[in-house]
């Protein structure tokens, strides 16, 4: 699983894909975030928490990807920190995990501002202890959980879903936290992506239905020239065998599904031959069914026996 985690992190860290993803997720495909303005941010979050006996306890978390973005809207300039947490498996405590990441990102901003204010002598007597002044402001932090798995997401998407039964009066005072979930397998449609995120997400969305996936690839010319990084993720998450690269270093995924179909047909022929031999040897149909062989395969083997019998 570590291989998949590394691959998805590397893939989504690419500035063009990162911007394309958030333009789709937040703005419905409008080109609002310019990939060239993205600024990589240190993904390690370290906090020092006071503990007993005057000691301190450090807590370090390393995020997948976090970047500073500039958003231009109506001649106004906005700044934000956007993060992606890639999940190849379902995580049943994701709301807490993302909440910690976001909290540490805000804490890091506060600490950096406090250090700057103290060093520059901008703190009054009142705010010297915290270092954070009345006029200081934080950049918003938005984290998206990008789920790559083949099983539908069935984990909580909010902190409240993780809590035990709560008294109705207490519930009024409990702060909730919702995650921003993008589950490829559960999506019913995708924004107008400008990169190969479009082809990748469309293919992975249909991976559990090989017939549907084959139809998708064969009906869309964009799948005939997929770059290596995208093709490798298609192989990793959809169990496709990649064909030979073209002279341009691209992959024709139409050829990949054709090869998959031929291999499946060959396996079917081999299985029918195996069942044929078992029936000829005297094994009962019921016994073969119990071993997990489909009725259709047994029927084909029985038809072969009838054809060869005098």
Foldseek 3Di string as FASTA:
>chain_A
DVVLQVLVLVVCQQLQNVQLVCCCLPVLRDNFWDSVQKAWDQQKFKDWAQDPPRDIDIDIDGASGKIWTWGADPNDIAIAIEGEHEAADADQPVQVVVVVSQVSVQVVVQVVQLVVCVVVVVDDPVCNVSSDDPPDDDHYYAYEYEYQYQDDHDHDQKPVVVDDDDDPVVVVVDDMTGHHYDYLLPDPDTGDGPDCVVVLSVLSNCLVPLVVSLVVLVVDPVLQWAADSSVVSCCVHNVWDWDDADPVRTTRCNVRSVVVVVVVVVVLVVLLVVLLVVVVVPDDPVVVVVVPDDPVSNVSSVVVVVVPDD
